[in-house]
Amino acid sequence: MPEITFRVRNAKPCPLQGGNEKAWREAVAEDARRALGQVAFPKPPASTKFAVDLRFRVREFASAQHGDLDNLAKVVLDTLFRACTSSITGVMFDIEDAQVFRLDLEKAQVSSEQDEGVDVRVVWE
């Protein structure tokens, strides 16, 4: 099964419509494009089923600034897969995120700004 993994660091995860959502989307998009440049695979068809693992790393663990885990995930999914909610979308796949059939989420506390971000793993069949 094809797989892509990448990490976004030194970027504060931001929930949908959060104060810094555009900068967060740009950071995710930049690292996703870099990861895509390191692997070769055929374009998956629209019927492809995806599994996505997201590990958010935040300094202020219980802060409202970081939002609910599901809202953090939505921003990343809408950036990687096609969505009509943002101009930064479909960076990895021109397929709607409705094709994500498994989503594993975690939020962990880190001590420095440099460690903030997200670890991403996308697998498909």
PDB file of N, CA and C in Angstrom:
ATOM      1  N   MET A   1       0.846  -1.184   0.000  1.00  0.00           N
ATOM      2  CA  MET A   1       0.000   0.000   0.000  1.00  0.00           C
ATOM      3  C   MET A   1       0.890   1.246   0.000  1.00  0.00           C
ATOM      4  N   PRO A   2       0.588   2.203  -0.852  1.00  0.00           N
ATOM      5  CA  PRO A   2       1.355   3.454  -0.857  1.00  0.00           C
ATOM      6  C   PRO A   2       1.174   4.215   0.458  1.00  0.00           C
ATOM      7  N   GLU A   3       2.208   4.946   0.839  1.00  0.00           N
ATOM      8  CA  GLU A   3       2.185   5.689   2.089  1.00  0.00           C
ATOM      9  C   GLU A   3       3.030   6.949   1.948  1.00  0.00           C
ATOM     10  N   ILE A   4       2.559   8.021   2.560  1.00  0.00           N
ATOM     11  CA  ILE A   4       3.333   9.263   2.651  1.00  0.00           C
ATOM     12  C   ILE A   4       3.328   9.692   4.115  1.00  0.00           C
ATOM     13  N   THR A   5       4.503  10.039   4.609  1.00  0.00           N
ATOM     14  CA  THR A   5       4.605  10.585   5.956  1.00  0.00           C
ATOM     15  C   THR A   5       5.403  11.878   5.902  1.00  0.00           C
ATOM     16  N   PHE A   6       5.038  12.811   6.758  1.00  0.00           N
ATOM     17  CA  PHE A   6       5.808  14.042   6.893  1.00  0.00           C
ATOM     18  C   PHE A   6       5.496  14.689   8.229  1.00  0.00           C
ATOM     19  N   ARG A   7       6.363  15.626   8.601  1.00  0.00           N
ATOM     20  CA  ARG A   7       6.206  16.355   9.865  1.00  0.00           C
ATOM     21  C   ARG A   7       6.207  17.847   9.588  1.00  0.00           C
ATOM     22  N   VAL A   8       5.360  18.547  10.292  1.00  0.00           N
ATOM     23  CA  VAL A   8       5.357  20.014  10.280  1.00  0.00           C
ATOM     24  C   VAL A   8       5.861  20.427  11.656  1.00  0.00           C
ATOM     25  N   ARG A   9       6.891  21.256  11.695  1.00  0.00           N
ATOM     26  CA  ARG A   9       7.440  21.708  12.966  1.00  0.00           C
ATOM     27  C   ARG A   9       7.572  23.225  12.978  1.00  0.00           C
ATOM     28  N   ASN A  10       7.681  23.748  14.193  1.00  0.00           N
ATOM     29  CA  ASN A  10       7.829  25.191  14.408  1.00  0.00           C
ATOM     30  C   ASN A  10       6.646  25.950  13.814  1.00  0.00           C
ATOM     31  N   ALA A  11       5.469  25.343  13.927  1.00  0.00           N
ATOM     32  CA  ALA A  11       4.232  25.962  13.438  1.00  0.00           C
ATOM     33  C   ALA A  11       3.112  25.572  14.396  1.00  0.00           C
ATOM     34  N   LYS A  12       2.457  26.552  14.972  1.00  0.00           N
ATOM     35  CA  LYS A  12       1.401  26.301  15.950  1.00  0.00           C
ATOM     36  C   LYS A  12       0.142  25.785  15.258  1.00  0.00           C
ATOM     37  N   PRO A  13      -0.311  24.558  15.593  1.00  0.00           N
ATOM     38  CA  PRO A  13      -1.560  24.061  15.013  1.00  0.00           C
ATOM     39  C   PRO A  13      -2.705  25.023  15.302  1.00  0.00           C
ATOM     40  N   CYS A  14      -3.525  25.234  14.308  1.00  0.00           N
ATOM     41  CA  CYS A  14      -4.599  26.212  14.422  1.00  0.00           C
ATOM     42  C   CYS A  14      -5.909  25.590  13.966  1.00  0.00           C
ATOM     43  N   PRO A  15      -6.972  25.737  14.740  1.00  0.00           N
ATOM     44  CA  PRO A  15      -8.258  25.187  14.340  1.00  0.00           C
ATOM     45  C   PRO A  15      -8.893  25.983  13.204  1.00  0.00           C
ATOM     46  N   LEU A  16      -9.897  25.372  12.613  1.00  0.00           N
ATOM     47  CA  LEU A  16     -10.653  26.018  11.547  1.00  0.00           C
ATOM     48  C   LEU A  16     -11.109  27.402  11.993  1.00  0.00           C
ATOM     49  N   GLN A  17     -10.853  28.399  11.176  1.00  0.00           N
ATOM     50  CA  GLN A  17     -11.198  29.791  11.443  1.00  0.00           C
ATOM     51  C   GLN A  17     -10.532  30.318  12.711  1.00  0.00           C
ATOM     52  N   GLY A  18      -9.382  29.757  13.031  1.00  0.00           N
ATOM     53  CA  GLY A  18      -8.607  30.250  14.162  1.00  0.00           C
ATOM     54  C   GLY A  18      -7.856  31.498  13.740  1.00  0.00           C
ATOM     55  N   GLY A  19      -7.212  32.130  14.676  1.00  0.00           N
ATOM     56  CA  GLY A  19      -6.531  33.383  14.400  1.00  0.00           C
ATOM     57  C   GLY A  19      -5.405  33.289  13.391  1.00  0.00           C
ATOM     58  N   ASN A  20      -4.813  32.116  13.225  1.00  0.00           N
ATOM     59  CA  ASN A  20      -3.660  31.978  12.345  1.00  0.00           C
ATOM     60  C   ASN A  20      -3.852  30.836  11.359  1.00  0.00           C
ATOM     61  N   GLU A  21      -5.101  30.585  10.953  1.00  0.00           N
ATOM     62  CA  GLU A  21      -5.419  29.429  10.109  1.00  0.00           C
ATOM     63  C   GLU A  21      -4.659  29.449   8.787  1.00  0.00           C
ATOM     64  N   LYS A  22      -4.560  30.599   8.128  1.00  0.00           N
ATOM     65  CA  LYS A  22      -3.901  30.656   6.818  1.00  0.00           C
ATOM     66  C   LYS A  22      -2.422  30.274   6.940  1.00  0.00           C
ATOM     67  N   ALA A  23      -1.733  30.802   7.927  1.00  0.00           N
ATOM     68  CA  ALA A  23      -0.314  30.475   8.116  1.00  0.00           C
ATOM     69  C   ALA A  23      -0.146  28.989   8.433  1.00  0.00           C
ATOM     70  N   TRP A  24      -1.059  28.424   9.228  1.00  0.00           N
ATOM     71  CA  TRP A  24      -0.993  27.005   9.554  1.00  0.00           C
ATOM     72  C   TRP A  24      -1.211  26.165   8.300  1.00  0.00           C
ATOM     73  N   ARG A  25      -2.216  26.502   7.487  1.00  0.00           N
ATOM     74  CA  ARG A  25      -2.457  25.774   6.232  1.00  0.00           C
ATOM     75  C   ARG A  25      -1.230  25.846   5.314  1.00  0.00           C
ATOM     76  N   GLU A  26      -0.616  27.021   5.230  1.00  0.00           N
ATOM     77  CA  GLU A  26       0.564  27.182   4.376  1.00  0.00           C
ATOM     78  C   GLU A  26       1.715  26.311   4.861  1.00  0.00           C
ATOM     79  N   ALA A  27       1.910  26.206   6.177  1.00  0.00           N
ATOM     80  CA  ALA A  27       2.973  25.365   6.720  1.00  0.00           C
ATOM     81  C   ALA A  27       2.708  23.891   6.403  1.00  0.00           C
ATOM     82  N   VAL A  28       1.469  23.452   6.575  1.00  0.00           N
ATOM     83  CA  VAL A  28       1.101  22.066   6.259  1.00  0.00           C
ATOM     84  C   VAL A  28       1.298  21.812   4.766  1.00  0.00           C
ATOM     85  N   ALA A  29       0.832  22.737   3.928  1.00  0.00           N
ATOM     86  CA  ALA A  29       0.943  22.577   2.477  1.00  0.00           C
ATOM     87  C   ALA A  29       2.401  22.502   2.033  1.00  0.00           C
ATOM     88  N   GLU A  30       3.243  23.347   2.583  1.00  0.00           N
ATOM     89  CA  GLU A  30       4.659  23.366   2.202  1.00  0.00           C
ATOM     90  C   GLU A  30       5.336  22.032   2.504  1.00  0.00           C
ATOM     91  N   ASP A  31       5.122  21.503   3.705  1.00  0.00           N
ATOM     92  CA  ASP A  31       5.758  20.236   4.065  1.00  0.00           C
ATOM     93  C   ASP A  31       5.127  19.056   3.327  1.00  0.00           C
ATOM     94  N   ALA A  32       3.836  19.128   3.023  1.00  0.00           N
ATOM     95  CA  ALA A  32       3.185  18.081   2.234  1.00  0.00           C
ATOM     96  C   ALA A  32       3.757  18.052   0.817  1.00  0.00           C
ATOM     97  N   ARG A  33       3.939  19.202   0.212  1.00  0.00           N
ATOM     98  CA  ARG A  33       4.519  19.259  -1.137  1.00  0.00           C
ATOM     99  C   ARG A  33       5.946  18.718  -1.143  1.00  0.00           C
ATOM    100  N   ARG A  34       6.703  19.043  -0.117  1.00  0.00           N
ATOM    101  CA  ARG A  34       8.070  18.532   0.001  1.00  0.00           C
ATOM    102  C   ARG A  34       8.053  17.001   0.075  1.00  0.00           C
ATOM    103  N   ALA A  35       7.144  16.438   0.875  1.00  0.00           N
ATOM    104  CA  ALA A  35       7.034  14.982   1.002  1.00  0.00           C
ATOM    105  C   ALA A  35       6.626  14.348  -0.322  1.00  0.00           C
ATOM    106  N   LEU A  36       5.713  14.987  -1.033  1.00  0.00           N
ATOM    107  CA  LEU A  36       5.281  14.470  -2.338  1.00  0.00           C
ATOM    108  C   LEU A  36       6.432  14.416  -3.330  1.00  0.00           C
ATOM    109  N   GLY A  37       7.345  15.374  -3.240  1.00  0.00           N
ATOM    110  CA  GLY A  37       8.488  15.412  -4.148  1.00  0.00           C
ATOM    111  C   GLY A  37       9.474  14.287  -3.925  1.00  0.00           C
ATOM    112  N   GLN A  38       9.341  13.571  -2.804  1.00  0.00           N
ATOM    113  CA  GLN A  38      10.276  12.502  -2.465  1.00  0.00           C
ATOM    114  C   GLN A  38       9.740  11.109  -2.770  1.00  0.00           C
ATOM    115  N   VAL A  39       8.504  11.013  -3.241  1.00  0.00           N
ATOM    116  CA  VAL A  39       7.915   9.705  -3.549  1.00  0.00           C
ATOM    117  C   VAL A  39       7.290   9.741  -4.934  1.00  0.00           C
ATOM    118  N   ALA A  40       7.203   8.577  -5.530  1.00  0.00           N
ATOM    119  CA  ALA A  40       6.557   8.464  -6.841  1.00  0.00           C
ATOM    120  C   ALA A  40       5.449   7.422  -6.737  1.00  0.00           C
ATOM    121  N   PHE A  41       4.262   7.791  -7.176  1.00  0.00           N
ATOM    122  CA  PHE A  41       3.142   6.862  -7.193  1.00  0.00           C
ATOM    123  C   PHE A  41       2.150   7.358  -8.229  1.00  0.00           C
ATOM    124  N   PRO A  42       1.379   6.444  -8.815  1.00  0.00           N
ATOM    125  CA  PRO A  42       0.361   6.881  -9.777  1.00  0.00           C
ATOM    126  C   PRO A  42      -0.745   7.650  -9.066  1.00  0.00           C
ATOM    127  N   LYS A  43      -1.378   8.535  -9.790  1.00  0.00           N
ATOM    128  CA  LYS A  43      -2.488   9.311  -9.230  1.00  0.00           C
ATOM    129  C   LYS A  43      -3.600   8.351  -8.813  1.00  0.00           C
ATOM    130  N   PRO A  44      -3.993   8.384  -7.530  1.00  0.00           N
ATOM    131  CA  PRO A  44      -5.049   7.469  -7.085  1.00  0.00           C
ATOM    132  C   PRO A  44      -6.406   7.860  -7.668  1.00  0.00           C
ATOM    133  N   PRO A  45      -7.230   6.872  -8.011  1.00  0.00           N
ATOM    134  CA  PRO A  45      -8.571   7.187  -8.520  1.00  0.00           C
ATOM    135  C   PRO A  45      -9.459   7.761  -7.419  1.00  0.00           C
ATOM    136  N   ALA A  46     -10.538   8.410  -7.810  1.00  0.00           N
ATOM    137  CA  ALA A  46     -11.450   9.066  -6.866  1.00  0.00           C
ATOM    138  C   ALA A  46     -12.077   8.082  -5.880  1.00  0.00           C
ATOM    139  N   SER A  47     -12.101   6.797  -6.212  1.00  0.00           N
ATOM    140  CA  SER A  47     -12.704   5.795  -5.332  1.00  0.00           C
ATOM    141  C   SER A  47     -11.726   5.256  -4.285  1.00  0.00           C
ATOM    142  N   THR A  48     -10.519   5.760  -4.260  1.00  0.00           N
ATOM    143  CA  THR A  48      -9.492   5.295  -3.326  1.00  0.00           C
ATOM    144  C   THR A  48      -9.922   5.536  -1.881  1.00  0.00           C
ATOM    145  N   LYS A  49      -9.622   4.561  -1.023  1.00  0.00           N
ATOM    146  CA  LYS A  49      -9.892   4.692   0.410  1.00  0.00           C
ATOM    147  C   LYS A  49      -8.585   5.049   1.109  1.00  0.00           C
ATOM    148  N   PHE A  50      -8.653   6.076   1.956  1.00  0.00           N
ATOM    149  CA  PHE A  50      -7.477   6.579   2.659  1.00  0.00           C
ATOM    150  C   PHE A  50      -7.594   6.334   4.154  1.00  0.00           C
ATOM    151  N   ALA A  51      -6.435   6.128   4.783  1.00  0.00           N
ATOM    152  CA  ALA A  51      -6.316   6.102   6.240  1.00  0.00           C
ATOM    153  C   ALA A  51      -5.341   7.212   6.598  1.00  0.00           C
ATOM    154  N   VAL A  52      -5.699   8.042   7.584  1.00  0.00           N
ATOM    155  CA  VAL A  52      -4.871   9.189   7.960  1.00  0.00           C
ATOM    156  C   VAL A  52      -4.619   9.154   9.462  1.00  0.00           C
ATOM    157  N   ASP A  53      -3.343   9.299   9.819  1.00  0.00           N
ATOM    158  CA  ASP A  53      -2.944   9.417  11.220  1.00  0.00           C
ATOM    159  C   ASP A  53      -2.394  10.820  11.433  1.00  0.00           C
ATOM    160  N   LEU A  54      -2.916  11.528  12.418  1.00  0.00           N
ATOM    161  CA  LEU A  54      -2.456  12.881  12.739  1.00  0.00           C
ATOM    162  C   LEU A  54      -2.085  12.939  14.216  1.00  0.00           C
ATOM    163  N   ARG A  55      -0.858  13.356  14.502  1.00  0.00           N
ATOM    164  CA  ARG A  55      -0.374  13.529  15.871  1.00  0.00           C
ATOM    165  C   ARG A  55      -0.025  14.999  16.056  1.00  0.00           C
ATOM    166  N   PHE A  56      -0.914  15.734  16.693  1.00  0.00           N
ATOM    167  CA  PHE A  56      -0.691  17.161  16.920  1.00  0.00           C
ATOM    168  C   PHE A  56       0.214  17.348  18.122  1.00  0.00           C
ATOM    169  N   ARG A  57       1.121  18.299  18.027  1.00  0.00           N
ATOM    170  CA  ARG A  57       2.078  18.609  19.085  1.00  0.00           C
ATOM    171  C   ARG A  57       1.880  20.081  19.445  1.00  0.00           C
ATOM    172  N   VAL A  58       1.395  20.326  20.651  1.00  0.00           N
ATOM    173  CA  VAL A  58       1.053  21.687  21.062  1.00  0.00           C
ATOM    174  C   VAL A  58       1.698  22.020  22.402  1.00  0.00           C
ATOM    175  N   ARG A  59       2.046  23.283  22.582  1.00  0.00           N
ATOM    176  CA  ARG A  59       2.637  23.719  23.858  1.00  0.00           C
ATOM    177  C   ARG A  59       1.582  23.886  24.933  1.00  0.00           C
ATOM    178  N   GLU A  60       0.508  24.547  24.600  1.00  0.00           N
ATOM    179  CA  GLU A  60      -0.548  24.830  25.573  1.00  0.00           C
ATOM    180  C   GLU A  60      -1.613  23.759  25.433  1.00  0.00           C
ATOM    181  N   PHE A  61      -1.410  22.671  26.138  1.00  0.00           N
ATOM    182  CA  PHE A  61      -2.188  21.449  25.952  1.00  0.00           C
ATOM    183  C   PHE A  61      -3.690  21.641  26.035  1.00  0.00           C
ATOM    184  N   ALA A  62      -4.165  22.355  27.032  1.00  0.00           N
ATOM    185  CA  ALA A  62      -5.612  22.489  27.237  1.00  0.00           C
ATOM    186  C   ALA A  62      -6.133  23.844  26.774  1.00  0.00           C
ATOM    187  N   SER A  63      -5.348  24.548  26.012  1.00  0.00           N
ATOM    188  CA  SER A  63      -5.712  25.900  25.616  1.00  0.00           C
ATOM    189  C   SER A  63      -6.815  25.924  24.563  1.00  0.00           C
ATOM    190  N   ALA A  64      -7.723  26.846  24.716  1.00  0.00           N
ATOM    191  CA  ALA A  64      -8.756  27.046  23.701  1.00  0.00           C
ATOM    192  C   ALA A  64      -8.127  27.518  22.392  1.00  0.00           C
ATOM    193  N   GLN A  65      -6.913  28.064  22.471  1.00  0.00           N
ATOM    194  CA  GLN A  65      -6.197  28.510  21.278  1.00  0.00           C
ATOM    195  C   GLN A  65      -5.989  27.373  20.296  1.00  0.00           C
ATOM    196  N   HIS A  66      -5.811  26.176  20.809  1.00  0.00           N
ATOM    197  CA  HIS A  66      -5.532  25.042  19.948  1.00  0.00           C
ATOM    198  C   HIS A  66      -6.792  24.309  19.533  1.00  0.00           C
ATOM    199  N   GLY A  67      -7.899  24.620  20.121  1.00  0.00           N
ATOM    200  CA  GLY A  67      -9.171  24.076  19.686  1.00  0.00           C
ATOM    201  C   GLY A  67      -9.346  22.596  19.965  1.00  0.00           C
ATOM    202  N   ASP A  68     -10.498  22.141  19.595  1.00  0.00           N
ATOM    203  CA  ASP A  68     -10.827  20.732  19.723  1.00  0.00           C
ATOM    204  C   ASP A  68     -10.012  19.931  18.714  1.00  0.00           C
ATOM    205  N   LEU A  69      -9.732  18.715  19.069  1.00  0.00           N
ATOM    206  CA  LEU A  69      -8.947  17.842  18.211  1.00  0.00           C
ATOM    207  C   LEU A  69      -9.586  17.657  16.833  1.00  0.00           C
ATOM    208  N   ASP A  70     -10.905  17.538  16.803  1.00  0.00           N
ATOM    209  CA  ASP A  70     -11.576  17.359  15.515  1.00  0.00           C
ATOM    210  C   ASP A  70     -11.450  18.599  14.632  1.00  0.00           C
ATOM    211  N   ASN A  71     -11.431  19.790  15.233  1.00  0.00           N
ATOM    212  CA  ASN A  71     -11.262  21.012  14.438  1.00  0.00           C
ATOM    213  C   ASN A  71      -9.840  21.140  13.908  1.00  0.00           C
ATOM    214  N   LEU A  72      -8.858  20.718  14.705  1.00  0.00           N
ATOM    215  CA  LEU A  72      -7.478  20.712  14.223  1.00  0.00           C
ATOM    216  C   LEU A  72      -7.345  19.769  13.033  1.00  0.00           C
ATOM    217  N   ALA A  73      -7.960  18.597  13.135  1.00  0.00           N
ATOM    218  CA  ALA A  73      -7.885  17.606  12.059  1.00  0.00           C
ATOM    219  C   ALA A  73      -8.545  18.117  10.784  1.00  0.00           C
ATOM    220  N   LYS A  74      -9.660  18.794  10.901  1.00  0.00           N
ATOM    221  CA  LYS A  74     -10.379  19.275   9.721  1.00  0.00           C
ATOM    222  C   LYS A  74      -9.516  20.201   8.867  1.00  0.00           C
ATOM    223  N   VAL A  75      -8.767  21.079   9.508  1.00  0.00           N
ATOM    224  CA  VAL A  75      -7.904  22.004   8.762  1.00  0.00           C
ATOM    225  C   VAL A  75      -6.855  21.231   7.973  1.00  0.00           C
ATOM    226  N   VAL A  76      -6.238  20.236   8.601  1.00  0.00           N
ATOM    227  CA  VAL A  76      -5.212  19.452   7.908  1.00  0.00           C
ATOM    228  C   VAL A  76      -5.828  18.649   6.766  1.00  0.00           C
ATOM    229  N   LEU A  77      -6.951  17.978   7.028  1.00  0.00           N
ATOM    230  CA  LEU A  77      -7.606  17.189   5.980  1.00  0.00           C
ATOM    231  C   LEU A  77      -8.030  18.065   4.804  1.00  0.00           C
ATOM    232  N   ASP A  78      -8.597  19.230   5.094  1.00  0.00           N
ATOM    233  CA  ASP A  78      -9.034  20.131   4.022  1.00  0.00           C
ATOM    234  C   ASP A  78      -7.855  20.696   3.238  1.00  0.00           C
ATOM    235  N   THR A  79      -6.671  20.730   3.837  1.00  0.00           N
ATOM    236  CA  THR A  79      -5.476  21.179   3.133  1.00  0.00           C
ATOM    237  C   THR A  79      -4.936  20.069   2.242  1.00  0.00           C
ATOM    238  N   LEU A  80      -4.913  18.844   2.733  1.00  0.00           N
ATOM    239  CA  LEU A  80      -4.347  17.723   1.979  1.00  0.00           C
ATOM    240  C   LEU A  80      -5.277  17.203   0.899  1.00  0.00           C
ATOM    241  N   PHE A  81      -6.575  17.189   1.193  1.00  0.00           N
ATOM    242  CA  PHE A  81      -7.581  16.695   0.254  1.00  0.00           C
ATOM    243  C   PHE A  81      -8.400  17.875  -0.264  1.00  0.00           C
ATOM    244  N   ARG A  82      -9.144  17.665  -1.329  1.00  0.00           N
ATOM    245  CA  ARG A  82      -9.935  18.739  -1.937  1.00  0.00           C
ATOM    246  C   ARG A  82     -11.114  19.123  -1.043  1.00  0.00           C
ATOM    247  N   ALA A  83     -11.279  20.419  -0.850  1.00  0.00           N
ATOM    248  CA  ALA A  83     -12.404  20.961  -0.079  1.00  0.00           C
ATOM    249  C   ALA A  83     -12.780  22.302  -0.690  1.00  0.00           C
ATOM    250  N   CYS A  84     -13.999  22.710  -0.512  1.00  0.00           N
ATOM    251  CA  CYS A  84     -14.440  23.982  -1.083  1.00  0.00           C
ATOM    252  C   CYS A  84     -14.321  25.122  -0.080  1.00  0.00           C
ATOM    253  N   THR A  85     -13.714  24.852   1.080  1.00  0.00           N
ATOM    254  CA  THR A  85     -13.694  25.847   2.150  1.00  0.00           C
ATOM    255  C   THR A  85     -12.459  26.729   2.163  1.00  0.00           C
ATOM    256  N   SER A  86     -11.478  26.450   1.334  1.00  0.00           N
ATOM    257  CA  SER A  86     -10.232  27.199   1.403  1.00  0.00           C
ATOM    258  C   SER A  86      -9.564  27.254   0.047  1.00  0.00           C
ATOM    259  N   SER A  87      -8.731  28.255  -0.142  1.00  0.00           N
ATOM    260  CA  SER A  87      -7.961  28.329  -1.384  1.00  0.00           C
ATOM    261  C   SER A  87      -6.723  27.434  -1.304  1.00  0.00           C
ATOM    262  N   ILE A  88      -6.307  27.068  -0.094  1.00  0.00           N
ATOM    263  CA  ILE A  88      -5.180  26.143   0.087  1.00  0.00           C
ATOM    264  C   ILE A  88      -5.783  24.775   0.359  1.00  0.00           C
ATOM    265  N   THR A  89      -6.008  23.994  -0.701  1.00  0.00           N
ATOM    266  CA  THR A  89      -6.713  22.727  -0.560  1.00  0.00           C
ATOM    267  C   THR A  89      -6.270  21.765  -1.653  1.00  0.00           C
ATOM    268  N   GLY A  90      -6.432  20.469  -1.401  1.00  0.00           N
ATOM    269  CA  GLY A  90      -6.082  19.463  -2.394  1.00  0.00           C
ATOM    270  C   GLY A  90      -4.595  19.395  -2.682  1.00  0.00           C
ATOM    271  N   VAL A  91      -3.774  19.761  -1.712  1.00  0.00           N
ATOM    272  CA  VAL A  91      -2.328  19.833  -1.923  1.00  0.00           C
ATOM    273  C   VAL A  91      -1.741  18.466  -2.268  1.00  0.00           C
ATOM    274  N   MET A  92      -2.209  17.419  -1.616  1.00  0.00           N
ATOM    275  CA  MET A  92      -1.687  16.077  -1.894  1.00  0.00           C
ATOM    276  C   MET A  92      -2.571  15.296  -2.857  1.00  0.00           C
ATOM    277  N   PHE A  93      -3.886  15.429  -2.690  1.00  0.00           N
ATOM    278  CA  PHE A  93      -4.811  14.619  -3.470  1.00  0.00           C
ATOM    279  C   PHE A  93      -5.977  15.472  -3.945  1.00  0.00           C
ATOM    280  N   ASP A  94      -6.286  15.385  -5.225  1.00  0.00           N
ATOM    281  CA  ASP A  94      -7.448  16.087  -5.767  1.00  0.00           C
ATOM    282  C   ASP A  94      -8.672  15.184  -5.613  1.00  0.00           C
ATOM    283  N   ILE A  95      -8.869  14.753  -4.384  1.00  0.00           N
ATOM    284  CA  ILE A  95      -9.950  13.842  -4.008  1.00  0.00           C
ATOM    285  C   ILE A  95     -10.548  14.386  -2.716  1.00  0.00           C
ATOM    286  N   GLU A  96     -11.862  14.334  -2.593  1.00  0.00           N
ATOM    287  CA  GLU A  96     -12.509  14.858  -1.391  1.00  0.00           C
ATOM    288  C   GLU A  96     -12.155  14.009  -0.166  1.00  0.00           C
ATOM    289  N   ASP A  97     -12.109  14.651   0.995  1.00  0.00           N
ATOM    290  CA  ASP A  97     -11.748  13.927   2.209  1.00  0.00           C
ATOM    291  C   ASP A  97     -12.845  12.964   2.674  1.00  0.00           C
ATOM    292  N   ALA A  98     -13.957  12.920   1.962  1.00  0.00           N
ATOM    293  CA  ALA A  98     -14.975  11.898   2.240  1.00  0.00           C
ATOM    294  C   ALA A  98     -14.407  10.506   1.984  1.00  0.00           C
ATOM    295  N   GLN A  99     -13.303  10.418   1.259  1.00  0.00           N
ATOM    296  CA  GLN A  99     -12.651   9.138   0.973  1.00  0.00           C
ATOM    297  C   GLN A  99     -11.708   8.702   2.094  1.00  0.00           C
ATOM    298  N   VAL A 100     -11.640   9.481   3.165  1.00  0.00           N
ATOM    299  CA  VAL A 100     -10.870   9.066   4.337  1.00  0.00           C
ATOM    300  C   VAL A 100     -11.773   8.134   5.143  1.00  0.00           C
ATOM    301  N   PHE A 101     -11.385   6.861   5.212  1.00  0.00           N
ATOM    302  CA  PHE A 101     -12.197   5.852   5.876  1.00  0.00           C
ATOM    303  C   PHE A 101     -11.692   5.516   7.276  1.00  0.00           C
ATOM    304  N   ARG A 102     -10.463   5.933   7.587  1.00  0.00           N
ATOM    305  CA  ARG A 102      -9.951   5.754   8.938  1.00  0.00           C
ATOM    306  C   ARG A 102      -9.162   6.992   9.296  1.00  0.00           C
ATOM    307  N   LEU A 103      -9.430   7.514  10.481  1.00  0.00           N
ATOM    308  CA  LEU A 103      -8.764   8.718  10.961  1.00  0.00           C
ATOM    309  C   LEU A 103      -8.339   8.487  12.401  1.00  0.00           C
ATOM    310  N   ASP A 104      -7.033   8.530  12.649  1.00  0.00           N
ATOM    311  CA  ASP A 104      -6.499   8.324  13.988  1.00  0.00           C
ATOM    312  C   ASP A 104      -5.895   9.637  14.452  1.00  0.00           C
ATOM    313  N   LEU A 105      -6.357  10.159  15.597  1.00  0.00           N
ATOM    314  CA  LEU A 105      -5.951  11.483  16.081  1.00  0.00           C
ATOM    315  C   LEU A 105      -5.329  11.408  17.463  1.00  0.00           C
ATOM    316  N   GLU A 106      -4.391  12.306  17.698  1.00  0.00           N
ATOM    317  CA  GLU A 106      -3.784  12.430  19.020  1.00  0.00           C
ATOM    318  C   GLU A 106      -3.287  13.859  19.190  1.00  0.00           C
ATOM    319  N   LYS A 107      -3.359  14.360  20.409  1.00  0.00           N
ATOM    320  CA  LYS A 107      -2.810  15.675  20.749  1.00  0.00           C
ATOM    321  C   LYS A 107      -1.866  15.470  21.918  1.00  0.00           C
ATOM    322  N   ALA A 108      -0.608  15.890  21.759  1.00  0.00           N
ATOM    323  CA  ALA A 108       0.400  15.715  22.798  1.00  0.00           C
ATOM    324  C   ALA A 108       1.017  17.060  23.134  1.00  0.00           C
ATOM    325  N   GLN A 109       1.395  17.217  24.384  1.00  0.00           N
ATOM    326  CA  GLN A 109       2.006  18.460  24.834  1.00  0.00           C
ATOM    327  C   GLN A 109       3.516  18.414  24.617  1.00  0.00           C
ATOM    328  N   VAL A 110       4.058  19.541  24.123  1.00  0.00           N
ATOM    329  CA  VAL A 110       5.504  19.700  23.954  1.00  0.00           C
ATOM    330  C   VAL A 110       5.933  20.959  24.702  1.00  0.00           C
ATOM    331  N   SER A 111       7.231  21.082  24.939  1.00  0.00           N
ATOM    332  CA  SER A 111       7.696  22.185  25.776  1.00  0.00           C
ATOM    333  C   SER A 111       8.199  23.397  25.006  1.00  0.00           C
ATOM    334  N   SER A 112       8.442  23.280  23.698  1.00  0.00           N
ATOM    335  CA  SER A 112       8.995  24.424  22.977  1.00  0.00           C
ATOM    336  C   SER A 112       8.227  24.703  21.689  1.00  0.00           C
ATOM    337  N   GLU A 113       8.300  25.942  21.238  1.00  0.00           N
ATOM    338  CA  GLU A 113       7.659  26.332  19.977  1.00  0.00           C
ATOM    339  C   GLU A 113       8.215  25.549  18.801  1.00  0.00           C
ATOM    340  N   GLN A 114       9.508  25.241  18.832  1.00  0.00           N
ATOM    341  CA  GLN A 114      10.143  24.520  17.732  1.00  0.00           C
ATOM    342  C   GLN A 114       9.573  23.113  17.565  1.00  0.00           C
ATOM    343  N   ASP A 115       9.026  22.550  18.630  1.00  0.00           N
ATOM    344  CA  ASP A 115       8.467  21.199  18.568  1.00  0.00           C
ATOM    345  C   ASP A 115       6.981  21.180  18.205  1.00  0.00           C
ATOM    346  N   GLU A 116       6.345  22.348  18.170  1.00  0.00           N
ATOM    347  CA  GLU A 116       4.916  22.390  17.833  1.00  0.00           C
ATOM    348  C   GLU A 116       4.715  22.016  16.369  1.00  0.00           C
ATOM    349  N   GLY A 117       3.581  21.381  16.091  1.00  0.00           N
ATOM    350  CA  GLY A 117       3.252  21.028  14.717  1.00  0.00           C
ATOM    351  C   GLY A 117       2.380  19.792  14.659  1.00  0.00           C
ATOM    352  N   VAL A 118       2.614  18.980  13.626  1.00  0.00           N
ATOM    353  CA  VAL A 118       1.830  17.762  13.448  1.00  0.00           C
ATOM    354  C   VAL A 118       2.679  16.736  12.698  1.00  0.00           C
ATOM    355  N   ASP A 119       2.493  15.466  13.064  1.00  0.00           N
ATOM    356  CA  ASP A 119       3.060  14.346  12.316  1.00  0.00           C
ATOM    357  C   ASP A 119       1.917  13.779  11.495  1.00  0.00           C
ATOM    358  N   VAL A 120       2.159  13.580  10.204  1.00  0.00           N
ATOM    359  CA  VAL A 120       1.109  13.127   9.289  1.00  0.00           C
ATOM    360  C   VAL A 120       1.526  11.821   8.615  1.00  0.00           C
ATOM    361  N   ARG A 121       0.599  10.894   8.552  1.00  0.00           N
ATOM    362  CA  ARG A 121       0.803   9.652   7.807  1.00  0.00           C
ATOM    363  C   ARG A 121      -0.467   9.393   7.020  1.00  0.00           C
ATOM    364  N   VAL A 122      -0.330   9.209   5.699  1.00  0.00           N
ATOM    365  CA  VAL A 122      -1.470   8.916   4.842  1.00  0.00           C
ATOM    366  C   VAL A 122      -1.164   7.612   4.095  1.00  0.00           C
ATOM    367  N   VAL A 123      -2.080   6.649   4.205  1.00  0.00           N
ATOM    368  CA  VAL A 123      -1.942   5.357   3.552  1.00  0.00           C
ATOM    369  C   VAL A 123      -3.193   5.151   2.707  1.00  0.00           C
ATOM    370  N   TRP A 124      -3.036   4.527   1.555  1.00  0.00           N
ATOM    371  CA  TRP A 124      -4.213   4.250   0.736  1.00  0.00           C
ATOM    372  C   TRP A 124      -4.044   2.938  -0.003  1.00  0.00           C
ATOM    373  N   GLU A 125      -5.175   2.427  -0.456  1.00  0.00           N
ATOM    374  CA  GLU A 125      -5.170   1.152  -1.195  1.00  0.00           C
ATOM    375  C   GLU A 125      -5.872   1.302  -2.519  1.00  0.00           C
TER     376      GLU A 125
END
